Amino acid sequence: MNDTFLFLVLTSCVFSEDMNLLSINYLHAGAPKYWYAIAQEDSGRFESLMESMFSHQANACPQFLRHKRSLYSPSLLTKAGISYTTQVQRAGDIMITFPGCYHFGFNTGFNCAESTNFAVPEWVPFGDQAKICMCHPHSVRIGMRRFKALLNQFEDDAFTNDGRKLTYVEWAKDFIRSKKKMTQKQEVWDETPKVFKKAKPFTVEVMTLSSRRNNAEKKPTGKRKRKGKELEQDHYRLAIPIKASGLKPQTRVICLLETDKNVECYFRGSIVDVVERHAKIHFSGSSRNEDVWLTIDSGQLFVDGGSTSNPNA
């Protein structure tokens, strides 16, 4: 996410950085840039305002502002009571945006600028709250559980025996080397030719739910029970290893996903779209903004072979 641009007079539409990361922008040379930034405490009100003004885009994608196609006049923000700040960036100036901060602006002429995203430990709670555009499989994603586990492990192992603190790069190299050594010790080499067998279908216990993760463990509230908001057993079903050649929309599939309590379960769904070896999955009873993208060869995706009464089939 490191980009260098040569700009003509260009307007930057309103957006916040992917995964609520911080950003740093350096203007190497050329005409000044004008920046507008929404106050963090007004981000929620600003999102509601943009949803009301661009309802057609909001209906198509709840994270439509990540498409960077919408712009709103600062004078209208003032009328709406939404706080914002302005800043002129000239050659040699550095601009830093904070996590979850919406910003936009324009260039007054030709210039050359460079920008990149970065994170600090204080960013982690903002990364946990970040939402992702599901319109395309290549939206920027960071596995926060894995990220936090590595961060905690780094903080535990960062100091050497002589008291020197390792940088993350030094620690990561040592971590990879140690994993390779462990793998080599565990490997048993066989001189006989390998025989590759075709993967066979297998039976799995399938669960049903409305919200794939956030609502997986929540109980229904109110007098009327909300259908599908609990994690419930469905049936034992046949999971067939998937073939990319036969993959198409409307195919019923079984997905292996992780719940909030780090428990992996199988769920039923159907394919909505296929793009570059990625399949977009919709789960029955859930909303469209809860669809997920999975890579075809991830090992998490199987064709639904139907119900089976024999758990050991």
Protein backbone atom coordinates (compact mmCIF):
# COMPACT_ATOMS: atom_id res chain seq x y z
CA MET A 1 0.00 0.00 0.00
CA ASN A 2 2.79 2.35 -0.95
CA ASP A 3 1.97 4.66 -3.85
CA THR A 4 3.63 7.54 -5.65
CA PHE A 5 1.43 9.82 -7.75
CA LEU A 6 1.94 12.55 -10.32
CA PHE A 7 -1.18 14.68 -10.10
CA LEU A 8 -2.98 17.03 -12.42
CA VAL A 9 -5.73 19.05 -10.71
CA LEU A 10 -7.45 16.11 -9.06
CA THR A 11 -10.08 15.79 -6.35
CA SER A 12 -9.79 13.02 -3.78
CA CYS A 13 -13.17 11.63 -2.77
CA VAL A 14 -13.99 11.07 0.89
CA PHE A 15 -12.77 7.83 2.49
CA SER A 16 -11.06 6.34 5.51
CA GLU A 17 -8.02 4.10 5.22
CA ASP A 18 -8.41 0.33 4.79
CA MET A 19 -8.67 -1.52 8.12
CA ASN A 20 -8.74 1.92 9.84
CA LEU A 21 -4.96 2.12 9.47
CA LEU A 22 -3.03 5.34 9.88
CA SER A 23 -1.54 6.94 6.77
CA ILE A 24 1.38 9.22 6.06
CA ASN A 25 1.56 11.41 2.95
CA TYR A 26 4.68 13.28 1.82
CA LEU A 27 4.48 15.94 -0.89
CA HIS A 28 7.80 15.77 -2.77
CA ALA A 29 7.29 18.68 -5.15
CA GLY A 30 4.74 20.72 -7.03
CA ALA A 31 1.54 22.56 -6.25
CA PRO A 32 -0.06 22.47 -2.77
CA LYS A 33 -2.73 20.02 -1.69
CA TYR A 34 -5.83 21.01 0.29
CA TRP A 35 -7.00 18.56 2.96
CA TYR A 36 -10.30 18.23 4.81
CA ALA A 37 -10.58 15.82 7.74
CA ILE A 38 -13.71 14.83 9.68
CA ALA A 39 -13.33 14.80 13.47
CA GLN A 40 -13.20 11.22 14.81
CA GLU A 41 -16.08 11.82 17.23
CA ASP A 42 -18.28 12.81 14.27
CA SER A 43 -17.43 9.80 12.07
CA GLY A 44 -20.69 7.99 12.92
CA ARG A 45 -22.84 11.03 12.16
CA PHE A 46 -20.91 11.62 8.95
CA GLU A 47 -21.52 8.02 7.82
CA SER A 48 -25.26 8.40 8.48
CA LEU A 49 -25.31 11.66 6.52
CA MET A 50 -23.52 10.09 3.55
CA GLU A 51 -25.84 7.07 3.62
CA SER A 52 -28.87 9.37 3.40
CA MET A 53 -27.34 11.39 0.55
CA PHE A 54 -26.09 8.37 -1.42
CA SER A 55 -28.77 5.83 -0.53
CA HIS A 56 -28.48 3.93 -3.81
CA GLN A 57 -24.79 3.28 -3.18
CA ALA A 58 -25.38 2.44 0.49
CA ASN A 59 -28.02 -0.14 -0.43
CA ALA A 60 -25.63 -1.82 -2.86
CA CYS A 61 -22.69 -1.86 -0.40
CA PRO A 62 -22.76 -0.84 3.29
CA GLN A 63 -19.07 0.11 2.95
CA PHE A 64 -19.59 2.20 -0.21
CA LEU A 65 -17.31 4.99 1.06
CA ARG A 66 -14.39 2.61 0.59
CA HIS A 67 -15.10 2.77 -3.16
CA LYS A 68 -13.79 6.38 -3.12
CA ARG A 69 -16.54 7.63 -5.43
CA SER A 70 -18.45 10.05 -3.18
CA LEU A 71 -17.79 13.68 -2.30
CA TYR A 72 -19.67 16.14 -0.10
CA SER A 73 -19.35 19.93 0.13
CA PRO A 74 -17.67 21.24 3.31
CA SER A 75 -20.32 23.97 3.50
CA LEU A 76 -23.00 21.28 3.82
CA LEU A 77 -20.98 19.60 6.58
CA THR A 78 -21.04 22.90 8.46
CA LYS A 79 -24.84 23.10 8.07
CA ALA A 80 -25.13 19.53 9.36
CA GLY A 81 -23.07 20.42 12.44
CA ILE A 82 -20.28 17.98 11.59
CA SER A 83 -16.84 19.15 12.70
CA TYR A 84 -13.90 19.09 10.32
CA THR A 85 -10.46 20.63 9.98
CA THR A 86 -8.61 21.96 6.92
CA GLN A 87 -4.93 22.04 6.11
CA VAL A 88 -2.80 23.15 3.16
CA GLN A 89 0.10 20.81 2.39
CA ARG A 90 3.05 22.28 0.53
CA ALA A 91 6.17 20.65 -0.92
CA GLY A 92 8.21 19.15 1.92
CA ASP A 93 5.21 18.83 4.25
CA ILE A 94 4.08 15.54 5.79
CA MET A 95 0.43 14.77 6.56
CA ILE A 96 -0.66 11.97 8.93
CA THR A 97 -4.24 10.74 9.22
CA PHE A 98 -5.48 9.00 12.37
CA PRO A 99 -7.34 5.64 12.52
CA GLY A 100 -10.89 5.76 11.17
CA CYS A 101 -10.57 9.43 10.17
CA TYR A 102 -12.51 10.34 7.02
CA HIS A 103 -10.65 12.74 4.78
CA PHE A 104 -10.78 14.22 1.29
CA GLY A 105 -9.27 17.11 -0.65
CA PHE A 106 -7.89 18.35 -3.94
CA ASN A 107 -4.65 19.37 -5.65
CA THR A 108 -4.17 22.90 -6.94
CA GLY A 109 -1.97 21.77 -9.83
CA PHE A 110 0.76 19.32 -10.81
CA ASN A 111 2.52 17.69 -7.89
CA CYS A 112 4.26 14.48 -6.85
CA ALA A 113 3.24 12.85 -3.57
CA GLU A 114 3.96 9.55 -1.85
CA SER A 115 1.78 7.83 0.72
CA THR A 116 1.65 4.62 2.70
CA ASN A 117 -0.33 3.02 5.51
CA PHE A 118 1.16 2.07 8.86
CA ALA A 119 0.09 0.92 12.31
CA VAL A 120 1.10 1.50 15.92
CA PRO A 121 0.11 -0.61 18.97
CA GLU A 122 -2.66 1.87 19.80
CA TRP A 123 -4.23 1.11 16.40
CA VAL A 124 -5.22 -2.47 17.34
CA PRO A 125 -8.69 -1.60 18.80
CA PHE A 126 -9.48 0.39 15.64
CA GLY A 127 -8.41 -2.56 13.50
CA ASP A 128 -10.78 -4.81 15.47
CA GLN A 129 -13.66 -2.45 14.65
CA ALA A 130 -12.81 -2.05 10.96
CA LYS A 131 -15.39 -3.15 8.41
CA ILE A 132 -14.57 -4.50 4.97
CA CYS A 133 -16.13 -3.92 1.57
CA MET A 134 -17.34 -7.29 0.27
CA CYS A 135 -17.87 -6.20 -3.35
CA HIS A 136 -14.55 -7.68 -4.42
CA PRO A 137 -12.36 -10.47 -3.04
CA HIS A 138 -9.25 -8.28 -3.09
CA SER A 139 -10.41 -5.76 -0.49
CA VAL A 140 -7.65 -5.17 2.05
CA ARG A 141 -8.00 -7.51 5.01
CA ILE A 142 -5.91 -8.15 8.13
CA GLY A 143 -6.62 -11.23 10.24
CA MET A 144 -6.76 -9.43 13.59
CA ARG A 145 -6.74 -12.60 15.70
CA ARG A 146 -3.56 -13.79 14.00
CA PHE A 147 -2.06 -10.29 14.08
CA LYS A 148 -2.66 -9.89 17.82
CA ALA A 149 -1.32 -13.38 18.53
CA LEU A 150 1.92 -12.56 16.68
CA LEU A 151 2.15 -9.18 18.39
CA ASN A 152 1.76 -10.76 21.83
CA GLN A 153 4.33 -13.43 20.98
CA PHE A 154 6.76 -10.76 19.77
CA GLU A 155 6.34 -8.77 22.99
CA ASP A 156 7.01 -11.92 25.04
CA ASP A 157 10.11 -12.94 23.05
CA ALA A 158 11.48 -9.52 22.02
CA PHE A 159 14.31 -9.40 24.57
CA THR A 160 17.45 -11.49 24.08
CA ASN A 161 19.41 -13.16 26.87
CA ASP A 162 21.73 -10.15 27.11
CA GLY A 163 18.79 -7.78 27.57
CA ARG A 164 18.81 -6.31 24.04
CA LYS A 165 15.39 -5.79 22.47
CA LEU A 166 14.93 -7.22 18.99
CA THR A 167 13.20 -5.33 16.23
CA TYR A 168 10.12 -7.01 14.78
CA VAL A 169 12.03 -7.86 11.57
CA GLU A 170 14.84 -9.52 13.57
CA TRP A 171 12.33 -11.43 15.69
CA ALA A 172 10.33 -12.53 12.62
CA LYS A 173 13.46 -13.92 10.92
CA ASP A 174 14.39 -15.86 14.07
CA PHE A 175 10.80 -17.09 14.40
CA ILE A 176 10.76 -18.39 10.81
CA ARG A 177 14.16 -20.07 11.21
CA SER A 178 13.04 -21.84 14.39
CA LYS A 179 9.85 -23.05 12.71
CA LYS A 180 11.84 -24.44 9.77
CA LYS A 181 14.16 -26.32 12.13
CA MET A 182 11.19 -27.84 13.97
CA THR A 183 9.58 -28.85 10.68
CA GLN A 184 12.78 -30.49 9.42
CA LYS A 185 13.09 -32.52 12.62
CA GLN A 186 9.54 -33.77 12.30
CA GLU A 187 9.77 -34.67 8.62
CA VAL A 188 10.34 -38.32 7.67
CA TRP A 189 11.67 -38.69 4.15
CA ASP A 190 10.42 -41.59 2.07
CA GLU A 191 12.40 -42.64 -1.01
CA THR A 192 9.42 -44.40 -2.58
CA PRO A 193 7.44 -42.50 -5.22
CA LYS A 194 4.45 -40.60 -3.87
CA VAL A 195 1.00 -41.74 -4.96
CA PHE A 196 -1.54 -38.94 -5.09
CA LYS A 197 -5.04 -40.12 -4.35
CA LYS A 198 -8.18 -38.30 -5.29
CA ALA A 199 -9.76 -36.61 -2.28
CA LYS A 200 -12.90 -38.40 -1.18
CA PRO A 201 -16.20 -36.93 0.09
CA PHE A 202 -16.69 -37.00 3.85
CA THR A 203 -19.53 -36.40 6.29
CA VAL A 204 -19.62 -33.28 8.46
CA GLU A 205 -21.95 -31.87 11.10
CA VAL A 206 -23.39 -28.69 9.62
CA MET A 207 -24.56 -25.74 11.73
CA THR A 208 -26.96 -22.96 10.75
CA LEU A 209 -26.92 -19.33 11.82
CA SER A 210 -28.02 -15.94 10.58
CA SER A 211 -25.00 -13.81 11.39
CA ARG A 212 -21.87 -15.80 10.62
CA ARG A 213 -19.75 -14.53 13.50
CA ASN A 214 -20.91 -11.54 15.47
CA ASN A 215 -24.30 -13.02 16.31
CA ALA A 216 -23.24 -16.64 16.41
CA GLU A 217 -23.34 -16.88 20.19
CA LYS A 218 -26.09 -14.34 20.90
CA LYS A 219 -29.52 -15.34 22.15
CA PRO A 220 -32.70 -13.91 20.60
CA THR A 221 -34.26 -11.03 22.50
CA GLY A 222 -37.82 -9.74 22.70
CA LYS A 223 -41.12 -11.58 22.44
CA ARG A 224 -40.62 -12.59 18.83
CA LYS A 225 -37.81 -15.04 18.29
CA ARG A 226 -35.56 -13.87 15.49
CA LYS A 227 -35.13 -16.76 13.14
CA GLY A 228 -31.59 -18.02 12.64
CA LYS A 229 -29.86 -15.83 15.21
CA GLU A 230 -28.68 -18.83 17.24
CA LEU A 231 -26.00 -21.35 16.40
CA GLU A 232 -27.97 -24.57 15.91
CA GLN A 233 -27.28 -28.04 14.59
CA ASP A 234 -28.66 -28.59 11.10
CA HIS A 235 -27.86 -32.09 9.81
CA TYR A 236 -25.01 -34.34 8.87
CA ARG A 237 -24.18 -33.60 5.25
CA LEU A 238 -21.75 -34.84 2.65
CA ALA A 239 -18.85 -32.46 1.94
CA ILE A 240 -17.34 -32.98 -1.51
CA PRO A 241 -13.88 -31.52 -2.30
CA ILE A 242 -14.42 -28.67 -4.70
CA LYS A 243 -13.29 -28.40 -8.33
CA ALA A 244 -12.60 -24.94 -9.71
CA SER A 245 -13.72 -25.97 -13.19
CA GLY A 246 -17.25 -26.77 -12.03
CA LEU A 247 -17.68 -23.77 -9.78
CA LYS A 248 -20.49 -21.37 -10.68
CA PRO A 249 -23.11 -19.12 -9.01
CA GLN A 250 -26.02 -20.84 -7.23
CA THR A 251 -23.84 -23.85 -6.34
CA ARG A 252 -24.69 -25.03 -2.82
CA VAL A 253 -21.60 -25.30 -0.69
CA ILE A 254 -20.37 -26.10 2.82
CA CYS A 255 -17.82 -23.75 4.43
CA LEU A 256 -15.47 -24.32 7.34
CA LEU A 257 -15.41 -21.05 9.34
CA GLU A 258 -14.33 -19.86 12.75
CA THR A 259 -16.79 -18.49 15.33
CA ASP A 260 -16.15 -15.78 17.92
CA LYS A 261 -15.02 -18.39 20.43
CA ASN A 262 -12.28 -19.74 18.11
CA VAL A 263 -14.33 -22.85 17.34
CA GLU A 264 -14.35 -24.06 13.75
CA CYS A 265 -17.77 -25.16 12.42
CA TYR A 266 -19.22 -26.14 9.06
CA PHE A 267 -21.98 -23.91 7.61
CA ARG A 268 -24.23 -24.21 4.57
CA GLY A 269 -24.38 -21.51 1.94
CA SER A 270 -24.53 -20.84 -1.79
CA ILE A 271 -22.15 -19.18 -4.22
CA VAL A 272 -23.16 -15.67 -5.32
CA ASP A 273 -20.19 -14.80 -7.52
CA VAL A 274 -16.86 -16.20 -8.68
CA VAL A 275 -13.90 -13.88 -9.37
CA GLU A 276 -10.30 -14.95 -9.99
CA ARG A 277 -10.41 -18.17 -7.97
CA HIS A 278 -12.42 -16.51 -5.19
CA ALA A 279 -16.03 -17.43 -4.41
CA LYS A 280 -18.49 -15.11 -2.67
CA ILE A 281 -20.70 -17.10 -0.28
CA HIS A 282 -24.16 -16.16 0.99
CA PHE A 283 -25.59 -17.92 4.05
CA SER A 284 -29.30 -18.66 4.29
CA GLY A 285 -31.07 -16.35 6.74
CA SER A 286 -28.26 -13.76 6.80
CA SER A 287 -28.11 -10.37 5.12
CA ARG A 288 -26.09 -9.68 1.97
CA ASN A 289 -23.54 -7.57 3.84
CA GLU A 290 -22.62 -10.70 5.82
CA ASP A 291 -21.48 -12.55 2.68
CA VAL A 292 -17.86 -13.73 2.71
CA TRP A 293 -15.18 -14.29 0.07
CA LEU A 294 -13.20 -17.54 0.21
CA THR A 295 -10.40 -18.71 -2.04
CA ILE A 296 -11.31 -21.86 -3.90
CA ASP A 297 -8.17 -23.72 -2.81
CA SER A 298 -8.30 -22.52 0.81
CA GLY A 299 -9.44 -25.91 2.13
CA GLN A 300 -12.49 -24.22 3.67
CA LEU A 301 -14.88 -24.69 0.75
CA PHE A 302 -16.75 -27.87 -0.26
CA VAL A 303 -19.68 -28.76 -2.48
CA ASP A 304 -22.82 -29.66 -0.52
CA GLY A 305 -23.47 -33.30 -1.35
CA GLY A 306 -26.78 -33.46 0.48
CA SER A 307 -28.05 -34.84 3.76
CA THR A 308 -26.82 -38.10 5.19
CA SER A 309 -28.20 -39.99 8.16
CA ASN A 310 -24.96 -41.82 8.88
CA PRO A 311 -22.45 -39.66 10.78
CA ASN A 312 -19.67 -42.08 9.90
CA ALA A 313 -20.41 -42.24 6.19
